[in-house]
Amino acid sequence: MDLGLKDARVLVAASSRGLGRATARQFSREGASVVVNGRDAAELEATASAIGQETGNRVFAAAGDLTVPDDVARVIEQAVHHLGGLDILVTNAGGPPPGSFETVALEAWEKAFHLNVMSAVLLIRGALPYLKQSDRAAILTITSVSVKQPLDNLILSNSVRMAVAGLTKSLAFELGPDGIRVNSILPGWTRTERVTELMTDRAARQGITVEEAIGRQAAGAPLGRMGEPEEFANVAVFLCSPAAGYVHGAMIPVEGGSIRTTL
């Protein structure tokens, strides 16, 4: 199936590793020109080089901290410079640290808000003038399965991800008339560096090995396993493509059936 992404101009935030990297790679495999982003310039350049060498398509690096407004503005500027415009924006950021309501410090709440909510706001505001000039514009936010079903010991993520979900749904109504589609993916437990860190924390608290923690978590999904980043990326790229042209304002779970609600 041709997704219609050849020569599409794509910015994937927080894409030096994990879900972001897998998504940027899949866009490039579909023929898009991609800008990857992360805070570590050396790691980011290595990511851009590896994807570009694999696919033979243009991949550029735009380093910047998404919690710093000036950095976000520079990332958008560099993306537009490299690509000559912008068709697709994928907002993404690392997750806040684990913890319960009583153990998380007050200052951690503000950091989580800036990391996950304001980074999306800043990216979308900066990209919007260029997306309005595109005839295949799409925005994809990455939230979490926790917007449907809160996760244990992740009070920060459970809370701030809901704000991004609300932003996504609101923008679908505001930007739809401009021809800009806005959707979100709700990833479940996927084998990324972030999940390994969470499982390491859980293993330490429960006195078990990391592999035992991963196995117990995977058993909670009807498919009996965690997802792979590439499985997430396949859905992300499809949602942003013209092939999904009438999918708008959707919250798509990619979680192996672990959500128990019917809505």
Protein backbone atom coordinates (compact mmCIF):
# COMPACT_ATOMS: atom_id res chain seq x y z
CA MET A 1 0.00 0.00 0.00
CA ASP A 2 1.39 3.39 -1.01
CA LEU A 3 0.90 5.75 1.93
CA GLY A 4 1.61 8.82 -0.19
CA LEU A 5 4.53 10.00 1.91
CA LYS A 6 7.23 10.32 -0.75
CA ASP A 7 9.01 13.67 -0.29
CA ALA A 8 6.78 14.59 2.66
CA ARG A 9 8.52 17.01 5.03
CA VAL A 10 8.48 15.60 8.56
CA LEU A 11 9.70 16.71 11.98
CA VAL A 12 9.73 14.04 14.69
CA ALA A 13 10.48 15.43 18.15
CA ALA A 14 12.51 13.48 20.71
CA SER A 15 13.61 10.97 18.11
CA SER A 16 17.17 10.01 18.94
CA ARG A 17 15.87 6.79 20.52
CA GLY A 18 12.75 4.85 21.45
CA LEU A 19 9.37 5.44 19.83
CA GLY A 20 10.53 8.68 18.23
CA ARG A 21 13.49 7.07 16.51
CA ALA A 22 11.40 4.15 15.25
CA THR A 23 8.84 6.61 13.88
CA ALA A 24 11.44 8.77 12.13
CA ARG A 25 12.98 5.64 10.60
CA GLN A 26 9.65 4.43 9.27
CA PHE A 27 8.85 7.83 7.74
CA SER A 28 12.21 7.73 6.00
CA ARG A 29 11.56 4.20 4.75
CA GLU A 30 8.32 5.52 3.20
CA GLY A 31 10.29 8.13 1.24
CA ALA A 32 9.81 11.17 3.46
CA SER A 33 12.46 13.76 4.24
CA VAL A 34 12.85 13.77 8.03
CA VAL A 35 14.28 15.98 10.74
CA VAL A 36 15.11 14.19 14.00
CA ASN A 37 15.45 15.98 17.32
CA GLY A 38 17.04 15.35 20.71
CA ARG A 39 19.16 17.03 23.35
CA ASP A 40 22.37 15.06 22.80
CA ALA A 41 23.83 16.41 19.56
CA ALA A 42 26.29 13.54 19.07
CA GLU A 43 23.65 10.85 19.62
CA LEU A 44 21.27 12.72 17.35
CA GLU A 45 23.78 12.99 14.51
CA ALA A 46 24.44 9.26 14.81
CA THR A 47 20.71 8.57 14.59
CA ALA A 48 20.27 10.78 11.52
CA SER A 49 23.27 9.19 9.83
CA ALA A 50 22.15 5.62 10.57
CA ILE A 51 18.61 6.16 9.27
CA GLY A 52 19.81 8.03 6.19
CA GLN A 53 22.33 5.33 5.31
CA GLU A 54 19.69 2.62 5.68
CA THR A 55 16.97 4.29 3.61
CA GLY A 56 18.91 6.46 1.19
CA ASN A 57 16.62 9.39 1.97
CA ARG A 58 17.33 12.79 3.50
CA VAL A 59 17.56 12.85 7.31
CA PHE A 60 18.67 15.93 9.20
CA ALA A 61 19.45 16.57 12.87
CA ALA A 62 18.10 19.51 14.88
CA ALA A 63 19.36 19.41 18.45
CA GLY A 64 17.40 21.18 21.16
CA ASP A 65 15.77 20.86 24.58
CA LEU A 66 11.99 20.85 24.16
CA THR A 67 11.47 22.40 27.59
CA VAL A 68 13.33 25.55 26.48
CA PRO A 69 11.19 27.85 24.29
CA ASP A 70 14.17 29.29 22.41
CA ASP A 71 15.41 25.79 21.64
CA VAL A 72 12.00 24.77 20.28
CA ALA A 73 11.90 27.84 18.05
CA ARG A 74 15.38 27.00 16.74
CA VAL A 75 14.41 23.37 16.07
CA ILE A 76 11.40 24.50 14.02
CA GLU A 77 13.54 27.03 12.16
CA GLN A 78 16.17 24.42 11.34
CA ALA A 79 13.54 21.90 10.22
CA VAL A 80 11.96 24.38 7.84
CA HIS A 81 15.38 25.41 6.56
CA HIS A 82 16.42 21.82 5.84
CA LEU A 83 13.09 20.69 4.42
CA GLY A 84 11.86 23.85 2.69
CA GLY A 85 8.62 23.74 4.68
CA LEU A 86 6.72 21.33 6.88
CA ASP A 87 3.94 18.83 6.23
CA ILE A 88 3.93 16.63 9.31
CA LEU A 89 4.76 17.25 12.97
CA VAL A 90 5.08 14.49 15.55
CA THR A 91 5.22 15.85 19.09
CA ASN A 92 7.03 13.63 21.55
CA ALA A 93 9.06 13.92 24.72
CA GLY A 94 10.57 11.69 27.35
CA GLY A 95 8.33 10.64 30.21
CA PRO A 96 8.48 12.08 33.72
CA PRO A 97 9.99 9.99 36.52
CA PRO A 98 7.95 7.33 38.34
CA GLY A 99 6.49 7.86 41.77
CA SER A 100 3.29 8.04 43.82
CA PHE A 101 1.39 11.17 44.82
CA GLU A 102 3.05 11.22 48.25
CA THR A 103 6.57 10.56 47.03
CA VAL A 104 6.76 12.96 44.07
CA ALA A 105 8.16 16.39 44.96
CA LEU A 106 6.13 19.47 44.07
CA GLU A 107 8.80 20.80 41.72
CA ALA A 108 8.56 17.55 39.73
CA TRP A 109 4.99 18.44 38.77
CA GLU A 110 6.08 21.65 37.10
CA LYS A 111 8.92 19.89 35.29
CA ALA A 112 6.52 17.21 34.03
CA PHE A 113 4.11 19.85 32.78
CA HIS A 114 6.82 21.63 30.82
CA LEU A 115 8.27 18.37 29.50
CA ASN A 116 5.08 16.80 28.24
CA VAL A 117 2.47 19.54 27.85
CA MET A 118 4.31 22.75 27.05
CA SER A 119 6.72 21.01 24.68
CA ALA A 120 3.72 19.98 22.56
CA VAL A 121 2.21 23.45 22.79
CA LEU A 122 5.47 25.14 21.75
CA LEU A 123 6.11 22.74 18.88
CA ILE A 124 2.61 23.09 17.47
CA ARG A 125 2.57 26.89 17.81
CA GLY A 126 5.92 27.13 16.05
CA ALA A 127 5.01 24.71 13.28
CA LEU A 128 1.48 25.96 12.62
CA PRO A 129 2.28 28.74 10.12
CA TYR A 130 4.14 26.22 7.94
CA LEU A 131 1.57 23.45 8.32
CA LYS A 132 -1.12 25.85 7.10
CA GLN A 133 0.81 26.15 3.84
CA SER A 134 0.81 22.37 3.28
CA ASP A 135 -1.82 20.43 1.37
CA ARG A 136 -1.19 17.27 3.44
CA ALA A 137 -0.68 18.67 6.91
CA ALA A 138 -0.90 16.42 9.94
CA ILE A 139 -0.04 16.62 13.62
CA LEU A 140 0.44 13.54 15.76
CA THR A 141 0.80 13.73 19.51
CA ILE A 142 2.17 10.82 21.50
CA THR A 143 0.42 10.40 24.83
CA SER A 144 0.00 7.12 26.72
CA VAL A 145 -2.40 4.32 27.47
CA SER A 146 -2.65 6.03 30.86
CA VAL A 147 -5.16 8.55 29.46
CA LYS A 148 -7.61 5.63 29.35
CA GLN A 149 -6.32 3.57 32.27
CA PRO A 150 -3.91 5.03 34.88
CA LEU A 151 -0.69 3.12 35.46
CA ASP A 152 0.68 2.20 38.87
CA ASN A 153 3.35 4.46 40.36
CA LEU A 154 3.20 6.90 37.43
CA ILE A 155 1.18 9.73 38.96
CA LEU A 156 2.97 12.41 36.91
CA SER A 157 2.53 10.69 33.56
CA ASN A 158 -1.07 9.74 34.35
CA SER A 159 -1.88 13.39 35.03
CA VAL A 160 -0.01 15.41 32.41
CA ARG A 161 -0.73 13.04 29.53
CA MET A 162 -4.43 13.83 30.00
CA ALA A 163 -3.69 17.48 29.23
CA VAL A 164 -2.05 16.52 25.92
CA ALA A 165 -5.07 14.38 25.05
CA GLY A 166 -7.35 17.34 25.71
CA LEU A 167 -5.13 19.59 23.62
CA THR A 168 -5.21 17.10 20.75
CA LYS A 169 -8.97 16.77 20.71
CA SER A 170 -9.45 20.53 20.95
CA LEU A 171 -7.04 21.21 18.10
CA ALA A 172 -8.88 18.72 15.92
CA PHE A 173 -11.89 21.05 16.03
CA GLU A 174 -9.85 24.25 15.72
CA LEU A 175 -7.50 23.17 12.93
CA GLY A 176 -9.74 20.87 10.93
CA PRO A 177 -11.18 23.76 8.90
CA ASP A 178 -7.59 24.61 7.87
CA GLY A 179 -7.12 21.09 6.52
CA ILE A 180 -4.76 20.08 9.31
CA ARG A 181 -5.48 16.65 10.73
CA VAL A 182 -4.67 16.09 14.42
CA ASN A 183 -4.53 12.66 16.05
CA SER A 184 -2.89 10.95 18.99
CA ILE A 185 -1.45 7.53 19.71
CA LEU A 186 -1.79 5.99 23.16
CA PRO A 187 1.14 3.57 23.41
CA GLY A 188 1.12 0.82 25.99
CA TRP A 189 4.12 -1.04 27.32
CA THR A 190 6.66 -1.08 24.49
CA ARG A 191 10.26 -2.28 24.62
CA THR A 192 12.04 1.06 24.69
CA GLU A 193 14.81 2.51 26.83
CA ARG A 194 12.18 4.41 28.81
CA VAL A 195 10.29 1.22 29.67
CA THR A 196 13.52 -0.53 30.66
CA GLU A 197 14.16 2.33 33.09
CA LEU A 198 10.65 1.99 34.55
CA MET A 199 11.01 -1.78 34.85
CA THR A 200 14.37 -1.32 36.58
CA ASP A 201 12.71 0.97 39.12
CA ARG A 202 9.88 -1.51 39.64
CA ALA A 203 12.28 -4.43 40.02
CA ALA A 204 14.23 -2.57 42.70
CA ARG A 205 11.05 -1.75 44.64
CA GLN A 206 9.71 -5.31 44.42
CA GLY A 207 12.99 -7.16 44.95
CA ILE A 208 12.88 -9.00 41.63
CA THR A 209 14.99 -8.99 38.48
CA VAL A 210 14.35 -6.60 35.61
CA GLU A 211 13.42 -9.50 33.32
CA GLU A 212 10.92 -10.74 35.90
CA ALA A 213 9.38 -7.28 36.06
CA ILE A 214 9.12 -7.15 32.25
CA GLY A 215 7.59 -10.63 32.14
CA ARG A 216 4.95 -9.81 34.74
CA GLN A 217 4.00 -6.61 32.93
CA ALA A 218 3.84 -8.34 29.54
CA ALA A 219 1.55 -11.00 30.98
CA GLY A 220 -1.05 -8.31 31.64
CA ALA A 221 -1.70 -7.82 27.92
CA PRO A 222 -4.00 -10.25 26.09
CA LEU A 223 -1.25 -10.77 23.50
CA GLY A 224 1.09 -11.80 26.31
CA ARG A 225 3.99 -9.57 25.34
CA MET A 226 5.17 -5.99 25.15
CA GLY A 227 5.02 -4.12 21.88
CA GLU A 228 7.98 -3.35 19.68
CA PRO A 229 8.85 0.23 18.65
CA GLU A 230 8.41 -0.69 14.99
CA GLU A 231 4.81 -1.74 15.64
CA PHE A 232 4.09 1.66 17.12
CA ALA A 233 5.87 3.40 14.24
CA ASN A 234 3.77 1.63 11.63
CA VAL A 235 0.59 3.05 13.13
CA ALA A 236 2.11 6.51 13.62
CA VAL A 237 3.22 6.81 10.01
CA PHE A 238 -0.12 5.58 8.68
CA LEU A 239 -2.07 8.10 10.79
CA CYS A 240 0.04 10.96 9.42
CA SER A 241 -0.23 9.82 5.83
CA PRO A 242 -2.79 10.81 3.16
CA ALA A 243 -3.94 7.18 3.30
CA ALA A 244 -5.58 8.08 6.64
CA GLY A 245 -7.08 11.26 5.23
CA TYR A 246 -10.41 10.96 7.07
CA VAL A 247 -8.95 9.95 10.45
CA HIS A 248 -9.09 13.10 12.58
CA GLY A 249 -9.31 13.77 16.29
CA ALA A 250 -8.71 10.09 17.02
CA MET A 251 -7.06 8.61 20.10
CA ILE A 252 -5.59 5.35 18.83
CA PRO A 253 -4.38 2.80 21.41
CA VAL A 254 -1.37 0.69 20.45
CA GLU A 255 -1.20 -1.46 23.55
CA GLY A 256 -1.89 -5.09 22.75
CA GLY A 257 -5.44 -4.95 24.06
CA SER A 258 -4.50 -4.13 27.65
CA ILE A 259 -7.09 -1.36 28.08
CA ARG A 260 -10.12 -2.89 29.77
CA THR A 261 -12.63 -0.12 29.13
CA THR A 262 -15.05 -0.32 26.19
CA LEU A 263 -14.79 3.37 25.22
